[in-house]
Amino acid sequence: MTDPEYLDRAEAALAAIESSCDRINDTTDADIDNQRVGGMVTITFRNGSQLIVNLQKPLHEIWLAARSGGYHYRHDGQAWVDTKSGEELFGQLSREASAQSGLPLRFTSS
């Protein structure tokens, strides 16, 4: 993947995360806050816990930091997939957000 292809796909993923946060706030009582600074989105939950999603441009990866640990995702041509487990980014993000918020939350790529 070229640098421009990576940036297009990675920026689309961050935009989808932001859109998911807006949808979650409109349709649930989760009251999550998301803040984007450059290539990083910080999601803060009512209980003060956070998820941090950031771009790792030199590696062409997206990283997720959660209470359960850190995850590294590369685009496989179809989706952002964890380099160790093969887990898809938005599925993992949904599980981590649900665990940290105590509510069933769903993040989607579109």
Protein backbone atom coordinates (compact mmCIF):
# COMPACT_ATOMS: atom_id res chain seq x y z
CA MET A 1 0.00 0.00 0.00
CA THR A 2 1.30 3.44 -0.84
CA ASP A 3 1.45 6.28 1.68
CA PRO A 4 -1.50 8.11 0.05
CA GLU A 5 -3.60 4.91 0.02
CA TYR A 6 -2.81 4.34 3.70
CA LEU A 7 -3.74 7.90 4.61
CA ASP A 8 -7.04 7.71 2.69
CA ARG A 9 -8.04 4.44 4.38
CA ALA A 10 -6.82 5.47 7.82
CA GLU A 11 -8.53 8.87 7.70
CA ALA A 12 -11.76 7.16 6.60
CA ALA A 13 -11.48 4.83 9.61
CA LEU A 14 -11.02 7.74 12.04
CA ALA A 15 -13.97 9.58 10.45
CA ALA A 16 -16.10 6.43 10.85
CA ILE A 17 -15.10 6.21 14.53
CA GLU A 18 -16.14 9.84 15.04
CA SER A 19 -19.44 9.22 13.23
CA SER A 20 -20.07 6.14 15.36
CA CYS A 21 -19.52 8.21 18.51
CA ASP A 22 -22.09 10.75 17.30
CA ARG A 23 -24.59 8.00 16.45
CA ILE A 24 -24.04 6.31 19.82
CA ASN A 25 -24.67 9.59 21.65
CA ASP A 26 -27.84 10.19 19.59
CA THR A 27 -29.27 6.71 20.19
CA THR A 28 -28.06 5.67 23.66
CA ASP A 29 -27.43 7.07 27.14
CA ALA A 30 -23.69 6.36 26.85
CA ASP A 31 -22.71 10.06 26.85
CA ILE A 32 -19.27 9.43 25.38
CA ASP A 33 -16.93 12.23 24.46
CA ASN A 34 -14.63 11.99 21.48
CA GLN A 35 -11.84 14.39 20.68
CA ARG A 36 -9.66 14.29 17.61
CA VAL A 37 -6.23 15.86 17.46
CA GLY A 38 -4.43 15.17 14.20
CA GLY A 39 -4.24 11.42 13.69
CA MET A 40 -5.55 10.52 17.14
CA VAL A 41 -9.08 10.08 18.49
CA THR A 42 -9.58 9.88 22.26
CA ILE A 43 -12.90 8.42 23.38
CA THR A 44 -13.78 9.17 27.02
CA PHE A 45 -16.58 7.41 28.86
CA ARG A 46 -18.74 8.66 31.71
CA ASN A 47 -16.63 6.66 34.21
CA GLY A 48 -13.46 8.46 33.06
CA SER A 49 -11.95 5.51 31.20
CA GLN A 50 -10.64 6.07 27.70
CA LEU A 51 -9.96 4.39 24.39
CA ILE A 52 -7.28 5.93 22.21
CA VAL A 53 -7.08 5.27 18.48
CA ASN A 54 -4.10 6.70 16.64
CA LEU A 55 -2.42 6.44 13.29
CA GLN A 56 1.08 5.02 13.00
CA LYS A 57 1.97 6.44 9.60
CA PRO A 58 5.50 5.00 9.19
CA LEU A 59 4.13 1.48 9.84
CA HIS A 60 0.87 1.96 7.88
CA GLU A 61 -1.02 0.85 10.99
CA ILE A 62 -3.79 2.03 13.30
CA TRP A 63 -3.24 1.43 17.01
CA LEU A 64 -5.90 1.03 19.69
CA ALA A 65 -5.11 1.50 23.38
CA ALA A 66 -7.70 0.07 25.78
CA ARG A 67 -7.86 -1.12 29.38
CA SER A 68 -7.33 -4.67 28.12
CA GLY A 69 -4.16 -3.79 26.22
CA GLY A 70 -2.81 -2.39 22.99
CA TYR A 71 -3.73 -3.54 19.48
CA HIS A 72 -2.11 -2.92 16.10
CA TYR A 73 -4.13 -3.05 12.86
CA ARG A 74 -3.06 -3.24 9.23
CA HIS A 75 -5.35 -2.98 6.24
CA ASP A 76 -5.64 -6.32 4.44
CA GLY A 77 -7.38 -4.90 1.36
CA GLN A 78 -10.82 -5.29 2.93
CA ALA A 79 -10.61 -4.20 6.57
CA TRP A 80 -8.27 -3.12 9.37
CA VAL A 81 -7.11 -6.38 10.97
CA ASP A 82 -5.14 -6.92 14.20
CA THR A 83 -1.60 -8.07 13.44
CA LYS A 84 -1.70 -10.75 16.17
CA SER A 85 -5.26 -12.02 16.49
CA GLY A 86 -6.75 -11.24 13.07
CA GLU A 87 -9.57 -9.35 14.83
CA GLU A 88 -11.24 -6.56 12.84
CA LEU A 89 -10.80 -3.02 14.24
CA PHE A 90 -14.46 -2.01 14.52
CA GLY A 91 -15.47 -5.30 16.16
CA GLN A 92 -12.70 -4.97 18.72
CA LEU A 93 -13.52 -1.30 19.28
CA SER A 94 -17.17 -2.21 19.89
CA ARG A 95 -16.22 -4.85 22.47
CA GLU A 96 -13.74 -2.59 24.24
CA ALA A 97 -16.18 0.34 24.32
CA SER A 98 -18.94 -1.91 25.64
CA ALA A 99 -16.68 -3.31 28.36
CA GLN A 100 -15.43 0.12 29.44
CA SER A 101 -18.82 1.85 29.33
CA GLY A 102 -20.94 -0.99 30.71
CA LEU A 103 -23.37 -0.56 27.78
CA PRO A 104 -23.67 -2.47 24.50
CA LEU A 105 -22.04 -0.08 22.02
CA ARG A 106 -21.46 -0.69 18.32
CA PHE A 107 -18.87 1.01 16.14
CA THR A 108 -19.11 0.57 12.37
CA SER A 109 -16.86 1.34 9.44
CA SER A 110 -19.61 3.21 7.58
